[in-house]
Structure formats: structure tokens, C-alpha cells
C-alpha atoms as a PDB file:
ATOM      1  CA  MET A   1      92.996  94.313 110.551  1.00  0.00           C
ATOM      2  CA  ALA A   2      93.690  94.122 106.833  1.00  0.00           C
ATOM      3  CA  ARG A   3      89.988  93.656 106.025  1.00  0.00           C
ATOM      4  CA  VAL A   4      88.931  96.492 108.326  1.00  0.00           C
ATOM      5  CA  ASN A   5      91.623  98.729 106.825  1.00  0.00           C
ATOM      6  CA  ALA A   6      90.523  97.885 103.286  1.00  0.00           C
ATOM      7  CA  ALA A   7      86.895  98.675 104.157  1.00  0.00           C
ATOM      8  CA  ALA A   8      87.886 101.970 105.795  1.00  0.00           C
ATOM      9  CA  ASN A   9      90.008 102.965 102.793  1.00  0.00           C
ATOM     10  CA  GLU A  10      87.115 102.140 100.474  1.00  0.00           C
ATOM     11  CA  ALA A  11      84.663 104.151 102.586  1.00  0.00           C
ATOM     12  CA  VAL A  12      86.796 107.291 102.738  1.00  0.00           C
ATOM     13  CA  SER A  13      87.353 107.093  98.994  1.00  0.00           C
ATOM     14  CA  ASP A  14      83.625 107.731  98.482  1.00  0.00           C
ATOM     15  CA  PRO A  15      83.102 111.465  97.772  1.00  0.00           C
ATOM     16  CA  GLU A  16      79.850 111.516  99.766  1.00  0.00           C
ATOM     17  CA  VAL A  17      81.534 110.001 102.825  1.00  0.00           C
ATOM     18  CA  ARG A  18      84.487 112.392 102.495  1.00  0.00           C
ATOM     19  CA  ASP A  19      82.079 115.345 102.315  1.00  0.00           C
ATOM     20  CA  LYS A  20      80.157 114.227 105.410  1.00  0.00           C
ATOM     21  CA  LEU A  21      83.369 113.675 107.363  1.00  0.00           C
ATOM     22  CA  SER A  22      84.696 117.069 106.298  1.00  0.00           C
ATOM     23  CA  ARG A  23      81.507 118.755 107.524  1.00  0.00           C
ATOM     24  CA  LEU A  24      82.125 117.105 110.900  1.00  0.00           C
ATOM     25  CA  GLY A  25      85.654 118.515 110.984  1.00  0.00           C
ATOM     26  CA  ILE A  26      87.264 115.151 110.279  1.00  0.00           C
ATOM     27  CA  THR A  27      90.043 114.878 107.721  1.00  0.00           C
ATOM     28  CA  PRO A  28      89.683 111.453 106.121  1.00  0.00           C
ATOM     29  CA  ALA A  29      92.902 109.558 105.549  1.00  0.00           C
ATOM     30  CA  THR A  30      93.851 106.217 104.075  1.00  0.00           C
ATOM     31  CA  GLY A  31      96.775 104.043 105.005  1.00  0.00           C
ATOM     32  CA  THR A  32      98.265 100.588 105.130  1.00  0.00           C
ATOM     33  CA  PRO A  33      97.090  97.773 107.415  1.00  0.00           C
ATOM     34  CA  ALA A  34     100.249  98.309 109.500  1.00  0.00           C
ATOM     35  CA  HIS A  35      99.468 102.011 109.883  1.00  0.00           C
ATOM     36  CA  PHE A  36      95.873 101.216 110.871  1.00  0.00           C
ATOM     37  CA  THR A  37      97.027  98.617 113.421  1.00  0.00           C
ATOM     38  CA  ALA A  38      99.470 101.120 114.940  1.00  0.00           C
ATOM     39  CA  MET A  39      96.757 103.794 115.102  1.00  0.00           C
ATOM     40  CA  VAL A  40      94.360 101.428 116.893  1.00  0.00           C
ATOM     41  CA  ALA A  41      97.094 100.440 119.371  1.00  0.00           C
ATOM     42  CA  GLN A  42      97.938 104.096 120.019  1.00  0.00           C
ATOM     43  CA  ASP A  43      94.278 104.984 120.605  1.00  0.00           C
ATOM     44  CA  ALA A  44      93.823 101.990 122.921  1.00  0.00           C
ATOM     45  CA  ALA A  45      96.852 103.032 124.985  1.00  0.00           C
ATOM     46  CA  LYS A  46      95.582 106.619 125.212  1.00  0.00           C
ATOM     47  CA  TRP A  47      92.135 105.561 126.395  1.00  0.00           C
ATOM     48  CA  LYS A  48      93.550 102.956 128.801  1.00  0.00           C
ATOM     49  CA  LYS A  49      95.570 105.707 130.477  1.00  0.00           C
ATOM     50  CA  ILE A  50      92.535 107.999 130.739  1.00  0.00           C
ATOM     51  CA  ILE A  51      90.321 105.209 132.097  1.00  0.00           C
ATOM     52  CA  THR A  52      92.943 104.157 134.636  1.00  0.00           C
ATOM     53  CA  GLU A  53      93.735 107.694 135.809  1.00  0.00           C
ATOM     54  CA  ARG A  54      90.072 108.583 136.234  1.00  0.00           C
ATOM     55  CA  LYS A  55      89.193 105.191 137.733  1.00  0.00           C
ATOM     56  CA  ILE A  56      86.389 104.691 135.247  1.00  0.00           C
ATOM     57  CA  ILE A  57      84.565 101.373 135.551  1.00  0.00           C
ATOM     58  CA  SER A  58      81.763  99.845 133.531  1.00  0.00           C
ATOM     59  CA  ASP A  59      78.461  98.968 135.112  1.00  0.00           C
END
């Protein structure tokens, strides 16, 4: 996760990337590897709940 976090932080530090994200309504943010890991875990839990509740299966 540390390498992915470092790459993400580097990407959102690029003014061109920040501009493109802003035009999409996304507020770019940087953080620590621990913060990134927690965010991924939180997103995974959210989507797991949605997939389970809606009984979504892959083909």
C-alpha cells in the first residue's frame, strides 16, 4: 500500500491531474499509507454491503 499511496500522492501533486480531477468534481487529497489503507478498507466494506444486500453476482 505504501507504493500505491506514494504514486497516488505524486499523481495528485501534478497541476494537470489536479485540474482534470477538479473538472470532474473530485477534490484530490494526499495522505499517509495508513490513511490510504483505511480508506480502501472502508470502501471495500461499503461495496461488500451493497453487493450482499442487492445479491449481485459476477458472471
